[in-house]
C-alpha atoms as a PDB file:
ATOM      1  CA  MET A   1     -24.251 -13.393  23.501  1.00  0.00           C
ATOM      2  CA  LYS A   2     -21.366 -12.556  21.692  1.00  0.00           C
ATOM      3  CA  GLU A   3     -18.391 -12.739  23.281  1.00  0.00           C
ATOM      4  CA  LYS A   4     -16.040  -8.873  22.634  1.00  0.00           C
ATOM      5  CA  LYS A   5     -12.761  -9.527  19.474  1.00  0.00           C
ATOM      6  CA  GLU A   6      -9.844  -8.832  21.533  1.00  0.00           C
ATOM      7  CA  THR A   7      -8.671  -5.207  20.198  1.00  0.00           C
ATOM      8  CA  LYS A   8      -4.463  -5.926  19.073  1.00  0.00           C
ATOM      9  CA  LYS A   9      -1.848  -3.004  20.090  1.00  0.00           C
ATOM     10  CA  THR A  10       0.341  -1.486  17.753  1.00  0.00           C
ATOM     11  CA  HIS A  11       2.388   1.570  17.503  1.00  0.00           C
ATOM     12  CA  THR A  12       2.139   2.120  13.563  1.00  0.00           C
ATOM     13  CA  LEU A  13       0.242   0.141  11.005  1.00  0.00           C
ATOM     14  CA  ILE A  14       1.211  -0.031   7.021  1.00  0.00           C
ATOM     15  CA  ILE A  15      -1.041  -0.341   4.338  1.00  0.00           C
ATOM     16  CA  SER A  16      -0.600   0.214   0.407  1.00  0.00           C
ATOM     17  CA  ASP A  17      -1.978  -1.154  -2.827  1.00  0.00           C
ATOM     18  CA  LEU A  18      -5.400  -0.826  -2.058  1.00  0.00           C
ATOM     19  CA  HIS A  19      -6.640   0.418  -5.460  1.00  0.00           C
ATOM     20  CA  LEU A  20      -9.881   0.958  -4.319  1.00  0.00           C
ATOM     21  CA  GLY A  21     -12.253   1.552  -7.245  1.00  0.00           C
ATOM     22  CA  SER A  22     -10.994  -1.196  -9.220  1.00  0.00           C
ATOM     23  CA  ALA A  23     -13.144  -5.060  -9.852  1.00  0.00           C
ATOM     24  CA  VAL A  24     -10.700  -6.617  -6.934  1.00  0.00           C
ATOM     25  CA  SER A  25     -10.412  -3.853  -4.523  1.00  0.00           C
ATOM     26  CA  GLN A  26     -11.444  -5.372  -0.793  1.00  0.00           C
ATOM     27  CA  PRO A  27     -12.523  -2.469   0.866  1.00  0.00           C
ATOM     28  CA  GLY A  28     -14.318  -3.780   3.737  1.00  0.00           C
ATOM     29  CA  LYS A  29     -11.648  -6.005   4.507  1.00  0.00           C
ATOM     30  CA  ILE A  30      -9.121  -3.063   5.019  1.00  0.00           C
ATOM     31  CA  LEU A  31     -12.143  -1.442   7.014  1.00  0.00           C
ATOM     32  CA  LYS A  32     -12.391  -3.890   9.277  1.00  0.00           C
ATOM     33  CA  LEU A  33      -8.759  -4.502  10.037  1.00  0.00           C
ATOM     34  CA  LEU A  34      -8.700  -0.690  11.161  1.00  0.00           C
ATOM     35  CA  GLN A  35     -11.428  -1.288  13.319  1.00  0.00           C
ATOM     36  CA  SER A  36      -9.444  -4.267  15.076  1.00  0.00           C
ATOM     37  CA  TYR A  37      -5.971  -2.461  16.136  1.00  0.00           C
ATOM     38  CA  SER A  38      -5.083   0.543  18.316  1.00  0.00           C
ATOM     39  CA  PHE A  39      -2.918   2.061  16.617  1.00  0.00           C
ATOM     40  CA  ARG A  40      -0.910   5.570  16.687  1.00  0.00           C
ATOM     41  CA  LYS A  41       0.008   5.745  13.222  1.00  0.00           C
ATOM     42  CA  LEU A  42      -1.400   4.745   9.849  1.00  0.00           C
ATOM     43  CA  ILE A  43       0.852   4.506   6.988  1.00  0.00           C
ATOM     44  CA  LEU A  44      -0.742   4.672   3.633  1.00  0.00           C
ATOM     45  CA  LEU A  45       1.736   3.685   1.491  1.00  0.00           C
ATOM     46  CA  GLY A  46       0.268   4.433  -2.029  1.00  0.00           C
ATOM     47  CA  ASP A  47      -1.969   3.895  -4.962  1.00  0.00           C
ATOM     48  CA  VAL A  48      -4.789   3.935  -2.733  1.00  0.00           C
ATOM     49  CA  PHE A  49      -6.899   4.503  -5.711  1.00  0.00           C
ATOM     50  CA  ASP A  50      -6.898   2.339  -8.515  1.00  0.00           C
ATOM     51  CA  ASN A  51      -7.840   5.904 -10.966  1.00  0.00           C
ATOM     52  CA  MET A  52      -9.028   8.973 -10.367  1.00  0.00           C
ATOM     53  CA  ASP A  53     -12.728   7.930 -11.762  1.00  0.00           C
ATOM     54  CA  PHE A  54     -14.624   7.961  -8.753  1.00  0.00           C
ATOM     55  CA  ARG A  55     -17.624   7.038 -10.182  1.00  0.00           C
ATOM     56  CA  ASN A  56     -16.347   3.542  -9.052  1.00  0.00           C
ATOM     57  CA  LEU A  57     -16.145   3.942  -5.930  1.00  0.00           C
ATOM     58  CA  THR A  58     -18.487   1.549  -3.790  1.00  0.00           C
ATOM     59  CA  LYS A  59     -20.825   2.351  -0.582  1.00  0.00           C
ATOM     60  CA  GLU A  60     -17.487   0.363   0.667  1.00  0.00           C
ATOM     61  CA  CYS A  61     -15.163   2.542  -0.279  1.00  0.00           C
ATOM     62  CA  TRP A  62     -16.529   5.696   0.996  1.00  0.00           C
ATOM     63  CA  ASP A  63     -17.363   3.969   4.154  1.00  0.00           C
ATOM     64  CA  LEU A  64     -13.378   2.823   5.010  1.00  0.00           C
ATOM     65  CA  LEU A  65     -12.331   6.779   3.804  1.00  0.00           C
ATOM     66  CA  ASN A  66     -14.917   8.059   6.150  1.00  0.00           C
ATOM     67  CA  TYR A  67     -13.267   5.785   8.572  1.00  0.00           C
ATOM     68  CA  ILE A  68     -10.181   7.211   8.405  1.00  0.00           C
ATOM     69  CA  GLY A  69     -10.700  10.927   8.200  1.00  0.00           C
ATOM     70  CA  LYS A  70     -12.684  10.054  11.684  1.00  0.00           C
ATOM     71  CA  ILE A  71      -9.495   8.366  12.972  1.00  0.00           C
ATOM     72  CA  SER A  72      -7.476  10.681  11.668  1.00  0.00           C
ATOM     73  CA  LYS A  73      -8.771  13.459  14.686  1.00  0.00           C
ATOM     74  CA  ASP A  74      -6.700  11.907  17.234  1.00  0.00           C
ATOM     75  CA  LYS A  75      -4.309  10.083  14.712  1.00  0.00           C
ATOM     76  CA  LYS A  76      -1.502  10.510  12.444  1.00  0.00           C
ATOM     77  CA  VAL A  77      -2.472   9.215   8.774  1.00  0.00           C
ATOM     78  CA  ARG A  78       0.773   9.678   6.489  1.00  0.00           C
ATOM     79  CA  TRP A  79       0.207   9.204   2.943  1.00  0.00           C
ATOM     80  CA  VAL A  80       2.454   8.496   0.341  1.00  0.00           C
ATOM     81  CA  MET A  81       1.943   9.003  -2.586  1.00  0.00           C
ATOM     82  CA  GLY A  82       1.562   6.404  -5.604  1.00  0.00           C
ATOM     83  CA  ASN A  83       1.570   6.148  -9.284  1.00  0.00           C
ATOM     84  CA  HIS A  84      -1.710   5.385  -9.402  1.00  0.00           C
ATOM     85  CA  ASP A  85      -3.316   8.454  -7.083  1.00  0.00           C
ATOM     86  CA  GLY A  86      -2.753  10.997  -9.316  1.00  0.00           C
ATOM     87  CA  GLU A  87      -3.247  14.748  -8.643  1.00  0.00           C
ATOM     88  CA  LEU A  88      -6.767  14.199  -6.593  1.00  0.00           C
ATOM     89  CA  ILE A  89      -4.577  12.927  -3.623  1.00  0.00           C
ATOM     90  CA  HIS A  90      -4.752  16.324  -2.505  1.00  0.00           C
ATOM     91  CA  VAL A  91      -7.918  16.639  -1.988  1.00  0.00           C
ATOM     92  CA  PHE A  92      -8.686  13.492  -0.486  1.00  0.00           C
ATOM     93  CA  GLY A  93      -5.602  14.030   1.469  1.00  0.00           C
ATOM     94  CA  SER A  94      -7.264  17.209   2.914  1.00  0.00           C
ATOM     95  CA  LEU A  95     -10.286  15.583   3.341  1.00  0.00           C
ATOM     96  CA  ILE A  96      -9.053  12.473   4.970  1.00  0.00           C
ATOM     97  CA  ASP A  97      -7.020  14.704   6.858  1.00  0.00           C
ATOM     98  CA  ALA A  98      -4.126  12.669   5.932  1.00  0.00           C
ATOM     99  CA  ARG A  99      -0.351  14.821   5.169  1.00  0.00           C
ATOM    100  CA  ILE A 100       1.235  14.011   1.783  1.00  0.00           C
ATOM    101  CA  HIS A 101       4.376  12.564   1.245  1.00  0.00           C
ATOM    102  CA  GLU A 102       6.519  11.894  -1.994  1.00  0.00           C
ATOM    103  CA  SER A 103       8.756   9.812   0.771  1.00  0.00           C
ATOM    104  CA  TYR A 104       8.208   9.810   4.319  1.00  0.00           C
ATOM    105  CA  SER A 105      10.639   9.094   6.733  1.00  0.00           C
ATOM    106  CA  TRP A 106      10.914   9.734  10.901  1.00  0.00           C
ATOM    107  CA  HIS A 107      13.178   8.353  13.790  1.00  0.00           C
ATOM    108  CA  TYR A 108      13.323   6.110  16.644  1.00  0.00           C
ATOM    109  CA  LYS A 109      15.814   5.487  18.812  1.00  0.00           C
ATOM    110  CA  HIS A 110      18.203   6.656  16.757  1.00  0.00           C
ATOM    111  CA  LYS A 111      17.754   4.532  13.486  1.00  0.00           C
ATOM    112  CA  LYS A 112      16.025   6.144  10.459  1.00  0.00           C
ATOM    113  CA  TYR A 113      12.745   4.651   8.986  1.00  0.00           C
ATOM    114  CA  LEU A 114      11.508   5.408   5.201  1.00  0.00           C
ATOM    115  CA  ALA A 115       9.019   4.697   3.206  1.00  0.00           C
ATOM    116  CA  ILE A 116       8.304   5.376  -0.218  1.00  0.00           C
ATOM    117  CA  HIS A 117       6.061   3.651  -2.570  1.00  0.00           C
ATOM    118  CA  GLY A 118       8.448   1.854  -5.018  1.00  0.00           C
ATOM    119  CA  HIS A 119       6.742   2.935  -8.343  1.00  0.00           C
ATOM    120  CA  GLN A 120      10.155   5.223  -8.548  1.00  0.00           C
ATOM    121  CA  PHE A 121      12.631   2.047  -8.427  1.00  0.00           C
ATOM    122  CA  ASP A 122      10.425   0.374 -11.461  1.00  0.00           C
ATOM    123  CA  ARG A 123      12.244   1.209 -14.719  1.00  0.00           C
ATOM    124  CA  PHE A 124       9.677  -0.594 -17.099  1.00  0.00           C
ATOM    125  CA  LEU A 125       7.283   2.441 -16.001  1.00  0.00           C
ATOM    126  CA  VAL A 126       9.578   4.837 -16.113  1.00  0.00           C
ATOM    127  CA  ASP A 127      11.184   4.178 -19.421  1.00  0.00           C
ATOM    128  CA  ASN A 128       7.942   3.029 -20.984  1.00  0.00           C
ATOM    129  CA  ALA A 129       5.175   4.866 -19.527  1.00  0.00           C
ATOM    130  CA  PHE A 130       2.771   4.716 -22.368  1.00  0.00           C
ATOM    131  CA  LEU A 131       2.415   0.814 -22.065  1.00  0.00           C
ATOM    132  CA  SER A 132       2.049   0.942 -19.100  1.00  0.00           C
ATOM    133  CA  TYR A 133      -0.665   3.145 -19.410  1.00  0.00           C
ATOM    134  CA  LEU A 134      -2.440   0.721 -22.192  1.00  0.00           C
ATOM    135  CA  ALA A 135      -1.384  -2.167 -19.560  1.00  0.00           C
ATOM    136  CA  THR A 136      -3.306  -0.678 -17.292  1.00  0.00           C
ATOM    137  CA  VAL A 137      -6.703  -0.017 -19.794  1.00  0.00           C
ATOM    138  CA  ILE A 138      -6.397  -4.028 -20.661  1.00  0.00           C
ATOM    139  CA  TYR A 139      -6.361  -4.841 -17.145  1.00  0.00           C
ATOM    140  CA  ASP A 140      -9.277  -2.632 -15.884  1.00  0.00           C
ATOM    141  CA  PHE A 141     -11.374  -4.107 -18.759  1.00  0.00           C
ATOM    142  CA  VAL A 142     -10.035  -7.995 -18.059  1.00  0.00           C
ATOM    143  CA  GLN A 143     -11.420  -7.143 -14.477  1.00  0.00           C
ATOM    144  CA  ARG A 144     -14.748  -5.559 -15.450  1.00  0.00           C
ATOM    145  CA  ILE A 145     -15.597  -8.735 -17.698  1.00  0.00           C
ATOM    146  CA  ASP A 146     -13.633 -11.306 -14.676  1.00  0.00           C
ATOM    147  CA  SER A 147     -15.721 -13.667 -12.691  1.00  0.00           C
ATOM    148  CA  ASP A 148     -16.972 -12.632  -9.330  1.00  0.00           C
ATOM    149  CA  GLU A 149     -13.741 -14.756  -7.885  1.00  0.00           C
ATOM    150  CA  LYS A 150     -11.614 -12.342 -10.368  1.00  0.00           C
ATOM    151  CA  LYS A 151      -9.186 -15.771 -10.794  1.00  0.00           C
ATOM    152  CA  PHE A 152      -8.155 -14.833 -14.010  1.00  0.00           C
ATOM    153  CA  SER A 153      -7.446 -11.187 -13.079  1.00  0.00           C
ATOM    154  CA  HIS A 154      -5.777 -12.555 -10.240  1.00  0.00           C
ATOM    155  CA  PHE A 155      -3.728 -14.846 -12.490  1.00  0.00           C
ATOM    156  CA  LEU A 156      -2.702 -12.143 -15.022  1.00  0.00           C
ATOM    157  CA  LYS A 157      -1.279  -9.885 -12.331  1.00  0.00           C
ATOM    158  CA  ARG A 158       0.767 -12.512 -10.508  1.00  0.00           C
ATOM    159  CA  LYS A 159       2.040 -12.897 -14.089  1.00  0.00           C
ATOM    160  CA  SER A 160       3.099  -9.803 -15.133  1.00  0.00           C
ATOM    161  CA  LYS A 161       4.588  -9.065 -11.542  1.00  0.00           C
ATOM    162  CA  GLY A 162       6.881 -12.060 -12.120  1.00  0.00           C
ATOM    163  CA  TRP A 163       7.821 -11.308 -15.373  1.00  0.00           C
ATOM    164  CA  LEU A 164       9.125  -8.407 -14.674  1.00  0.00           C
ATOM    165  CA  ARG A 165      11.016 -10.042 -12.100  1.00  0.00           C
ATOM    166  CA  LEU A 166       9.558  -6.366 -10.173  1.00  0.00           C
ATOM    167  CA  SER A 167       9.419  -7.634  -6.983  1.00  0.00           C
ATOM    168  CA  GLU A 168      13.375  -8.463  -6.614  1.00  0.00           C
ATOM    169  CA  LYS A 169      14.360  -5.232  -8.674  1.00  0.00           C
ATOM    170  CA  VAL A 170      12.642  -2.657  -6.418  1.00  0.00           C
ATOM    171  CA  ALA A 171      13.681  -4.277  -3.674  1.00  0.00           C
ATOM    172  CA  HIS A 172      17.315  -4.208  -4.799  1.00  0.00           C
ATOM    173  CA  SER A 173      17.059  -0.460  -5.990  1.00  0.00           C
ATOM    174  CA  ALA A 174      15.219   0.116  -2.492  1.00  0.00           C
ATOM    175  CA  LEU A 175      18.018  -1.056  -0.115  1.00  0.00           C
ATOM    176  CA  HIS A 176      20.951   0.689  -2.338  1.00  0.00           C
ATOM    177  CA  TYR A 177      17.966   3.836  -2.095  1.00  0.00           C
ATOM    178  CA  GLY A 178      17.537   3.588   1.292  1.00  0.00           C
ATOM    179  CA  LYS A 179      21.754   3.317   2.320  1.00  0.00           C
ATOM    180  CA  LYS A 180      22.396   6.791   0.634  1.00  0.00           C
ATOM    181  CA  GLN A 181      19.405   8.149   2.643  1.00  0.00           C
ATOM    182  CA  GLY A 182      20.783   6.162   5.881  1.00  0.00           C
ATOM    183  CA  ALA A 183      18.277   4.600   6.466  1.00  0.00           C
ATOM    184  CA  SER A 184      18.180   1.376   8.454  1.00  0.00           C
ATOM    185  CA  TYR A 185      14.891   0.576   7.420  1.00  0.00           C
ATOM    186  CA  VAL A 186      13.268   0.551   3.775  1.00  0.00           C
ATOM    187  CA  PHE A 187       8.914   0.319   3.573  1.00  0.00           C
ATOM    188  CA  CYS A 188       7.521   0.006  -0.160  1.00  0.00           C
ATOM    189  CA  GLY A 189       4.453  -0.930  -1.388  1.00  0.00           C
ATOM    190  CA  HIS A 190       4.001  -1.397  -5.919  1.00  0.00           C
ATOM    191  CA  THR A 191       4.998  -5.258  -6.272  1.00  0.00           C
ATOM    192  CA  HIS A 192       1.791  -6.387  -4.503  1.00  0.00           C
ATOM    193  CA  ARG A 193       4.486  -8.861  -2.774  1.00  0.00           C
ATOM    194  CA  ALA A 194       5.171  -9.265   0.760  1.00  0.00           C
ATOM    195  CA  LEU A 195       8.070  -9.457   0.852  1.00  0.00           C
ATOM    196  CA  GLU A 196      11.731  -9.273   3.627  1.00  0.00           C
ATOM    197  CA  LYS A 197      15.188  -8.132   2.390  1.00  0.00           C
ATOM    198  CA  LYS A 198      17.976  -7.406   3.758  1.00  0.00           C
ATOM    199  CA  ASN A 199      21.307  -5.932   2.936  1.00  0.00           C
ATOM    200  CA  HIS A 200      24.226  -5.292   4.659  1.00  0.00           C
ATOM    201  CA  ASP A 201      22.836  -2.596   7.817  1.00  0.00           C
ATOM    202  CA  VAL A 202      19.593  -1.597   5.727  1.00  0.00           C
ATOM    203  CA  ILE A 203      16.267  -3.895   5.772  1.00  0.00           C
ATOM    204  CA  TYR A 204      13.367  -3.366   3.094  1.00  0.00           C
ATOM    205  CA  TYR A 205      10.083  -4.701   3.292  1.00  0.00           C
ATOM    206  CA  ASN A 206       7.351  -4.614   1.185  1.00  0.00           C
ATOM    207  CA  SER A 207       3.080  -4.563   2.592  1.00  0.00           C
ATOM    208  CA  GLY A 208       1.774  -6.571  -0.567  1.00  0.00           C
ATOM    209  CA  CYS A 209      -1.553  -5.180  -1.267  1.00  0.00           C
ATOM    210  CA  TRP A 210      -5.190  -5.666  -0.738  1.00  0.00           C
ATOM    211  CA  THR A 211      -6.249  -7.033  -4.462  1.00  0.00           C
ATOM    212  CA  ASP A 212      -5.187 -10.253  -4.315  1.00  0.00           C
ATOM    213  CA  LEU A 213      -4.898 -13.097  -1.807  1.00  0.00           C
ATOM    214  CA  PRO A 214      -3.915 -13.465   1.066  1.00  0.00           C
ATOM    215  CA  CYS A 215      -4.288  -9.294   1.965  1.00  0.00           C
ATOM    216  CA  SER A 216      -0.854  -8.350   3.823  1.00  0.00           C
ATOM    217  CA  TYR A 217      -0.124  -5.916   5.862  1.00  0.00           C
ATOM    218  CA  ILE A 218       2.876  -4.337   8.124  1.00  0.00           C
ATOM    219  CA  THR A 219       3.004  -3.508  11.947  1.00  0.00           C
ATOM    220  CA  ILE A 220       5.954  -1.309  13.674  1.00  0.00           C
ATOM    221  CA  ASP A 221       6.488  -1.532  17.132  1.00  0.00           C
ATOM    222  CA  GLU A 222       9.272  -0.187  18.991  1.00  0.00           C
ATOM    223  CA  ASN A 223      11.962  -2.317  17.215  1.00  0.00           C
ATOM    224  CA  LYS A 224       9.935  -4.966  16.161  1.00  0.00           C
ATOM    225  CA  ILE A 225       8.528  -4.598  12.611  1.00  0.00           C
ATOM    226  CA  LYS A 226       6.624  -7.300  11.068  1.00  0.00           C
ATOM    227  CA  ILE A 227       4.398  -8.657   7.975  1.00  0.00           C
ATOM    228  CA  TRP A 228       0.907 -10.386   8.565  1.00  0.00           C
ATOM    229  CA  GLU A 229      -1.212 -11.863   6.226  1.00  0.00           C
ATOM    230  CA  TYR A 230      -5.410 -10.781   6.316  1.00  0.00           C
END
């Protein structure tokens, strides 16, 4: 007889950059993560989908979306818009009963928490919309022809993010933005790199992604915040 795994408990769970529909998404792992926790609030911190072609969604993707819709009946689900989510975010937000936000803030024990996807601080993406679109098309093609392990796709993704020094740029701008908004904690995704950084009274956390290894996520319990690898 198998021993039943103990359910972990947390107040808030944050995941980002699932990129459902892409060849490197891992919906099965995400579902197992959600099922392994008891939590009150789930924050989907942007780029839940890779693009708006839902023909690419596998059965595992639909199983995950159905599960989120099921748990939203007694848990808060907040979906922060990412640059990949597109206009149909409102349709799927309704289907899984998630409230949609461009940025999402809340207060706890006189401190302000702020969640924003992070593409707003990506100057290359903002200033070079066409080049960013072209790079996405090329990357999608590479994903389709890559090996089952997707080693080349992962390599390209890591190199592109590093070349633009994106992670540090987003962190710096997010910390500045958080200070202006009076936040004590700022949470972002977008860069696909889990990170914790502090500047004066503001602490920045990046939740990483679910398209590479290791995958990562964030838990919040009272004033304890932690980045985990899965």
